[in-house]
Amino acid sequence: MIIPFLVSHENSQLPAWLNGWLSPLRQAMPDEQIVPFEALSEADKLACEVAIVANPEPAQLAQLPNLKWVHSVWAGVERMLAELPESDLAVVRLVDPRLANTMAEAVLTWALYLHRLGPQYAQQQSQRVWRALEYVRPERRTIGILGMGELGKCTALRLRGAGFRVMGWSRSGTSVPDVETLSGEAGLREMLAQSDIVVCLLPLTAETRGLLNAEQLARMKPGAAIINFARGPIIDEAALWAALDHGSLGYAVLDVFDQEPLPEDAWFWDHPKVTVLPHCSGPTDRESAAQIVAGNIARFRESGDIPPAVDRQRGY
């Protein structure tokens, strides 16, 4: 049967990007016909019950009147939910254990960079200063994780394995072995005050947008660093700039921003307390993702059961 693949037309490298996805999807589903939306006939559009998507154009989805659900190849679907009109269409996001491991690896990499005083040594090098700084054992560093979903839990265990003291915060109070978990406003304040490094892995929702504002950033431990591998709008960028320049915030490793790609004149590029990354901390493994999408679609074909869908109220 035909399954359309709908993507955003904003991608400047769309043809190559699309082909990069079509190949693994077709290999994972040899009994299905995976095609770009533009290849659908009018009869095909009426027959479609499921589509594979990556921030699809709402106008194209509207041309598939019998669509029951869509499977995103992204873990984050906040943009898609914001653009779609209210409907009964089920949106299934990608839940891939490989993505969680990749993200945990990235967090560990940059947490160790901060722990072993990478920014300070880089500054010393620029000044031709030869001086060894005092070493701190990892168990004396506290790393706080905002967001204890699959990414947060996997990351917490990886950091614990490296010897760090780890705290986790979520709205639901999710528990993880050997990790102190907190929730609520009081829990957030406590975690920010105790953490040497704060890692943001929260989904972007109405509740988390602007969560780390000037008030919350001021509650962070003096000299602490922040790693944002979630979504840019969770942190108030103006407040972050002020906290780095005039407050007690020591450093920021940022992989996500309000505007992406990051404009050439953005203040982040040249700031001495910022590392800029090009939204690369948790790349989707296309082969792994294709297998997960294929499995979910195969079960739907067999039983008619749609995989667990995103709660539109929560946004994830």
Protein backbone atom coordinates (compact mmCIF):
# COMPACT_ATOMS: atom_id res chain seq x y z
CA MET A 1 0.00 0.00 0.00
CA ILE A 2 1.07 3.60 -0.57
CA ILE A 3 2.36 5.64 2.38
CA PRO A 4 3.21 9.30 1.72
CA PHE A 5 6.21 10.98 3.29
CA LEU A 6 5.37 14.64 4.06
CA VAL A 7 8.11 17.11 4.95
CA SER A 8 8.55 20.83 5.44
CA HIS A 9 9.45 22.71 2.28
CA GLU A 10 11.65 25.11 4.27
CA ASN A 11 14.56 22.67 4.07
CA SER A 12 17.05 24.18 1.60
CA GLN A 13 18.57 20.75 0.93
CA LEU A 14 15.22 19.02 0.57
CA PRO A 15 15.94 16.65 -2.38
CA ALA A 16 19.07 15.13 -0.82
CA TRP A 17 17.50 15.07 2.63
CA LEU A 18 14.35 13.38 1.32
CA ASN A 19 16.31 10.73 -0.54
CA GLY A 20 18.33 10.09 2.60
CA TRP A 21 15.11 9.12 4.37
CA LEU A 22 13.28 7.33 1.58
CA SER A 23 15.98 4.69 1.15
CA PRO A 24 16.02 3.32 4.74
CA LEU A 25 12.22 3.59 5.01
CA ARG A 26 11.75 1.59 1.82
CA GLN A 27 14.28 -1.01 2.95
CA ALA A 28 12.49 -1.39 6.28
CA MET A 29 9.05 -1.69 4.62
CA PRO A 30 9.48 -3.60 1.35
CA ASP A 31 5.75 -4.41 1.22
CA GLU A 32 4.78 -0.73 1.41
CA GLN A 33 5.23 1.93 -1.24
CA ILE A 34 6.84 4.98 0.40
CA VAL A 35 6.58 8.04 -1.84
CA PRO A 36 6.83 11.83 -1.53
CA PHE A 37 3.49 13.60 -1.20
CA GLU A 38 3.89 15.07 -4.68
CA ALA A 39 3.82 11.57 -6.20
CA LEU A 40 0.29 10.81 -4.91
CA SER A 41 -2.63 10.60 -7.30
CA GLU A 42 -6.05 11.82 -6.21
CA ALA A 43 -7.09 8.20 -5.66
CA ASP A 44 -3.98 7.63 -3.53
CA LYS A 45 -4.83 10.63 -1.36
CA LEU A 46 -8.27 9.20 -0.61
CA ALA A 47 -6.82 5.79 0.26
CA CYS A 48 -4.16 6.95 2.73
CA GLU A 49 -4.75 5.95 6.35
CA VAL A 50 -1.23 6.62 7.65
CA ALA A 51 1.55 9.00 6.67
CA ILE A 52 5.18 9.43 7.68
CA VAL A 53 6.05 13.04 8.46
CA ALA A 54 8.76 15.51 9.37
CA ASN A 55 7.15 18.87 10.19
CA PRO A 56 4.61 18.42 7.36
CA GLU A 57 2.83 21.21 5.55
CA PRO A 58 -0.70 21.42 7.08
CA ALA A 59 -2.15 22.15 3.63
CA GLN A 60 -0.86 18.81 2.36
CA LEU A 61 -2.25 16.89 5.34
CA ALA A 62 -5.62 18.50 4.64
CA GLN A 63 -5.62 16.76 1.25
CA LEU A 64 -5.64 13.34 2.93
CA PRO A 65 -9.24 13.19 4.22
CA ASN A 66 -9.13 9.57 5.43
CA LEU A 67 -5.86 9.84 7.31
CA LYS A 68 -6.08 8.21 10.77
CA TRP A 69 -2.61 8.88 12.12
CA VAL A 70 0.84 10.16 11.25
CA HIS A 71 4.21 8.88 12.39
CA SER A 72 6.84 11.56 12.90
CA VAL A 73 10.49 10.72 12.33
CA TRP A 74 11.34 13.29 15.04
CA ALA A 75 11.11 12.88 18.78
CA GLY A 76 10.05 16.53 19.11
CA VAL A 77 6.70 17.41 17.55
CA GLU A 78 5.91 20.77 19.17
CA ARG A 79 6.11 22.70 15.90
CA MET A 80 3.85 20.26 14.14
CA LEU A 81 1.26 20.37 16.93
CA ALA A 82 1.31 24.17 16.89
CA GLU A 83 0.66 24.30 13.15
CA LEU A 84 -2.01 21.60 12.90
CA PRO A 85 -5.68 22.52 13.34
CA GLU A 86 -7.71 20.80 16.02
CA SER A 87 -8.71 17.33 14.84
CA ASP A 88 -8.86 13.66 15.82
CA LEU A 89 -5.70 12.92 13.87
CA ALA A 90 -3.32 10.89 16.05
CA VAL A 91 0.29 12.09 16.05
CA VAL A 92 2.88 9.46 16.96
CA ARG A 93 6.36 10.72 17.71
CA LEU A 94 9.58 8.75 17.37
CA VAL A 95 10.65 6.93 20.54
CA ASP A 96 14.04 5.42 19.78
CA PRO A 97 16.34 3.98 22.49
CA ARG A 98 19.29 4.68 20.19
CA LEU A 99 18.41 8.40 20.28
CA ALA A 100 18.42 8.32 24.09
CA ASN A 101 21.88 6.74 24.09
CA THR A 102 23.16 9.27 21.56
CA MET A 103 21.86 12.15 23.63
CA ALA A 104 23.30 10.70 26.83
CA GLU A 105 26.66 10.41 25.10
CA ALA A 106 26.52 14.08 24.08
CA VAL A 107 25.57 15.23 27.58
CA LEU A 108 28.37 13.16 29.11
CA THR A 109 30.86 14.61 26.61
CA TRP A 110 30.06 18.22 27.44
CA ALA A 111 29.55 17.59 31.14
CA LEU A 112 33.08 16.15 31.27
CA TYR A 113 34.35 19.14 29.29
CA LEU A 114 32.90 21.45 31.92
CA HIS A 115 33.90 19.19 34.81
CA ARG A 116 37.52 19.02 33.66
CA LEU A 117 37.56 22.82 33.23
CA GLY A 118 37.72 22.87 29.43
CA PRO A 119 36.56 26.52 29.12
CA GLN A 120 39.14 27.69 31.67
CA TYR A 121 41.99 25.86 29.95
CA ALA A 122 40.88 27.24 26.56
CA GLN A 123 41.04 30.74 28.01
CA GLN A 124 44.46 30.09 29.49
CA GLN A 125 45.70 28.84 26.12
CA SER A 126 44.50 32.02 24.42
CA GLN A 127 46.53 33.97 26.98
CA ARG A 128 49.55 31.61 26.80
CA VAL A 129 49.18 30.75 30.48
CA TRP A 130 50.71 27.45 31.67
CA ARG A 131 48.97 26.57 34.94
CA ALA A 132 47.30 23.38 36.17
CA LEU A 133 43.97 24.03 37.87
CA GLU A 134 42.72 22.15 40.89
CA TYR A 135 41.09 18.79 40.14
CA VAL A 136 37.66 18.00 41.63
CA ARG A 137 36.45 14.40 41.90
CA PRO A 138 33.20 13.75 39.97
CA GLU A 139 31.32 12.66 43.08
CA ARG A 140 31.76 16.20 44.34
CA ARG A 141 30.01 17.63 41.28
CA THR A 142 26.23 17.72 41.16
CA ILE A 143 24.54 17.58 37.78
CA GLY A 144 20.86 18.44 37.62
CA ILE A 145 18.72 17.19 34.75
CA LEU A 146 15.56 19.03 33.74
CA GLY A 147 13.24 16.48 32.15
CA MET A 148 13.15 12.83 33.17
CA GLY A 149 11.60 11.22 30.11
CA GLU A 150 13.47 8.56 28.14
CA LEU A 151 16.28 10.98 27.28
CA GLY A 152 16.62 12.22 30.85
CA LYS A 153 16.57 8.78 32.44
CA CYS A 154 19.19 7.39 30.07
CA THR A 155 21.36 10.48 30.59
CA ALA A 156 21.05 10.28 34.37
CA LEU A 157 22.27 6.68 34.41
CA ARG A 158 25.20 7.53 32.11
CA LEU A 159 26.25 10.41 34.37
CA ARG A 160 25.91 8.27 37.47
CA GLY A 161 28.13 5.68 35.80
CA ALA A 162 30.78 8.38 35.40
CA GLY A 163 30.67 9.04 39.13
CA PHE A 164 28.69 12.27 39.30
CA ARG A 165 26.02 13.04 41.84
CA VAL A 166 22.84 13.39 39.75
CA MET A 167 19.53 15.08 40.51
CA GLY A 168 16.51 15.00 38.26
CA TRP A 169 13.48 17.25 37.97
CA SER A 170 10.21 16.66 36.18
CA ARG A 171 6.61 17.71 36.59
CA SER A 172 5.55 14.12 37.25
CA GLY A 173 8.35 13.30 39.71
CA THR A 174 9.64 10.34 37.69
CA SER A 175 11.98 8.15 39.77
CA VAL A 176 15.32 6.72 38.61
CA PRO A 177 17.58 4.40 40.65
CA ASP A 178 20.38 6.22 42.50
CA VAL A 179 19.08 9.60 41.31
CA GLU A 180 17.41 12.10 43.61
CA THR A 181 14.26 13.14 41.78
CA LEU A 182 12.29 16.31 42.46
CA SER A 183 9.18 17.97 41.12
CA GLY A 184 7.20 21.17 41.46
CA GLU A 185 8.38 24.74 41.90
CA ALA A 186 10.12 24.01 45.21
CA GLY A 187 11.93 21.06 43.66
CA LEU A 188 13.12 23.19 40.75
CA ARG A 189 14.49 25.82 43.11
CA GLU A 190 16.31 23.17 45.13
CA MET A 191 17.86 21.52 42.08
CA LEU A 192 19.04 24.82 40.58
CA ALA A 193 20.61 25.85 43.87
CA GLN A 194 22.55 22.60 44.28
CA SER A 195 23.67 21.86 40.72
CA ASP A 196 27.12 22.65 39.36
CA ILE A 197 25.84 21.82 35.89
CA VAL A 198 22.18 22.01 34.80
CA VAL A 199 21.19 19.95 31.75
CA CYS A 200 17.94 20.83 29.98
CA LEU A 201 16.20 17.92 28.22
CA LEU A 202 12.61 19.11 28.58
CA PRO A 203 10.05 19.05 25.78
CA LEU A 204 8.87 22.46 24.65
CA THR A 205 5.33 23.01 25.90
CA ALA A 206 3.26 25.94 27.08
CA GLU A 207 4.49 25.21 30.62
CA THR A 208 8.19 24.92 29.78
CA ARG A 209 8.46 27.87 27.36
CA GLY A 210 10.53 30.50 29.18
CA LEU A 211 10.87 28.24 32.23
CA LEU A 212 14.49 29.30 32.77
CA ASN A 213 13.91 33.02 33.05
CA ALA A 214 15.90 35.66 34.91
CA GLU A 215 14.40 34.65 38.25
CA GLN A 216 15.28 30.98 37.84
CA LEU A 217 18.74 31.64 36.41
CA ALA A 218 19.50 33.83 39.43
CA ARG A 219 18.77 30.82 41.66
CA MET A 220 21.55 28.77 40.12
CA LYS A 221 24.67 28.00 42.10
CA PRO A 222 27.35 30.70 41.66
CA GLY A 223 29.68 29.70 38.81
CA ALA A 224 27.37 26.94 37.60
CA ALA A 225 27.07 26.00 33.94
CA ILE A 226 24.06 25.13 31.82
CA ILE A 227 23.72 22.70 28.91
CA ASN A 228 20.64 23.12 26.72
CA PHE A 229 20.05 20.17 24.39
CA ALA A 230 16.24 20.53 24.42
CA ARG A 231 14.65 23.53 22.70
CA GLY A 232 15.82 27.14 22.58
CA PRO A 233 12.68 28.90 23.87
CA ILE A 234 12.86 27.04 27.20
CA ILE A 235 15.58 29.52 28.18
CA ASP A 236 14.97 33.27 28.04
CA GLU A 237 17.88 34.27 25.78
CA ALA A 238 18.04 37.87 27.02
CA ALA A 239 18.05 36.68 30.62
CA LEU A 240 20.78 34.16 29.81
CA TRP A 241 22.93 36.89 28.25
CA ALA A 242 22.52 39.05 31.34
CA ALA A 243 23.28 36.14 33.69
CA LEU A 244 26.49 35.35 31.80
CA ASP A 245 27.60 38.99 31.66
CA HIS A 246 26.48 40.33 35.00
CA GLY A 247 25.18 37.42 37.06
CA SER A 248 26.82 34.38 38.57
CA LEU A 249 26.32 31.97 35.68
CA GLY A 250 29.67 30.54 34.66
CA TYR A 251 29.15 28.99 31.24
CA ALA A 252 26.57 27.77 28.71
CA VAL A 253 26.77 24.97 26.14
CA LEU A 254 23.93 25.59 23.70
CA ASP A 255 22.77 23.29 20.92
CA VAL A 256 19.35 24.88 20.39
CA PHE A 257 18.17 28.46 19.88
CA ASP A 258 15.03 30.51 19.34
CA GLN A 259 16.05 30.99 15.71
CA GLU A 260 17.82 28.26 13.75
CA PRO A 261 20.14 28.33 11.91
CA LEU A 262 21.66 30.83 14.31
CA PRO A 263 22.02 34.25 12.59
CA GLU A 264 25.58 35.41 11.93
CA ASP A 265 25.06 38.50 14.09
CA ALA A 266 23.74 36.60 17.13
CA TRP A 267 25.55 37.44 20.37
CA PHE A 268 26.20 33.79 21.21
CA TRP A 269 28.91 33.31 18.57
CA ASP A 270 31.54 35.54 20.16
CA HIS A 271 30.62 35.28 23.82
CA PRO A 272 33.56 33.96 25.86
CA LYS A 273 31.25 31.96 28.13
CA VAL A 274 29.29 30.19 25.40
CA THR A 275 29.87 27.13 23.24
CA VAL A 276 27.61 27.11 20.17
CA LEU A 277 26.60 23.79 18.63
CA PRO A 278 24.52 23.43 15.41
CA HIS A 279 21.62 21.35 16.81
CA CYS A 280 23.74 18.21 16.63
CA SER A 281 23.53 16.69 20.12
CA GLY A 282 20.85 14.10 19.32
CA PRO A 283 20.81 13.31 15.60
CA THR A 284 18.22 10.78 14.50
CA ASP A 285 19.66 7.48 13.28
CA ARG A 286 17.72 6.97 10.05
CA GLU A 287 18.14 3.20 9.90
CA SER A 288 17.06 2.74 13.51
CA ALA A 289 14.17 5.18 13.12
CA ALA A 290 13.02 3.46 9.93
CA GLN A 291 12.86 0.11 11.73
CA ILE A 292 10.76 1.61 14.54
CA VAL A 293 8.39 3.30 12.09
CA ALA A 294 8.12 0.06 10.10
CA GLY A 295 7.29 -1.95 13.21
CA ASN A 296 4.54 0.43 14.27
CA ILE A 297 3.00 0.50 10.80
CA ALA A 298 3.17 -3.30 10.48
CA ARG A 299 1.27 -3.71 13.75
CA PHE A 300 -1.31 -1.21 12.54
CA ARG A 301 -1.77 -3.16 9.32
CA GLU A 302 -2.24 -6.40 11.28
CA SER A 303 -4.50 -5.23 14.09
CA GLY A 304 -5.68 -1.71 13.28
CA ASP A 305 -4.14 -0.51 16.55
CA ILE A 306 -2.55 2.94 16.43
CA PRO A 307 0.60 3.34 18.60
CA PRO A 308 0.40 5.60 21.68
CA ALA A 309 -0.13 9.13 20.39
CA VAL A 310 1.00 12.51 21.65
CA ASP A 311 -1.20 14.14 24.27
CA ARG A 312 -1.98 17.45 22.59
CA GLN A 313 -2.65 19.15 25.92
CA ARG A 314 0.77 18.22 27.32
CA GLY A 315 2.53 18.56 23.98
CA TYR A 316 4.38 15.23 24.15
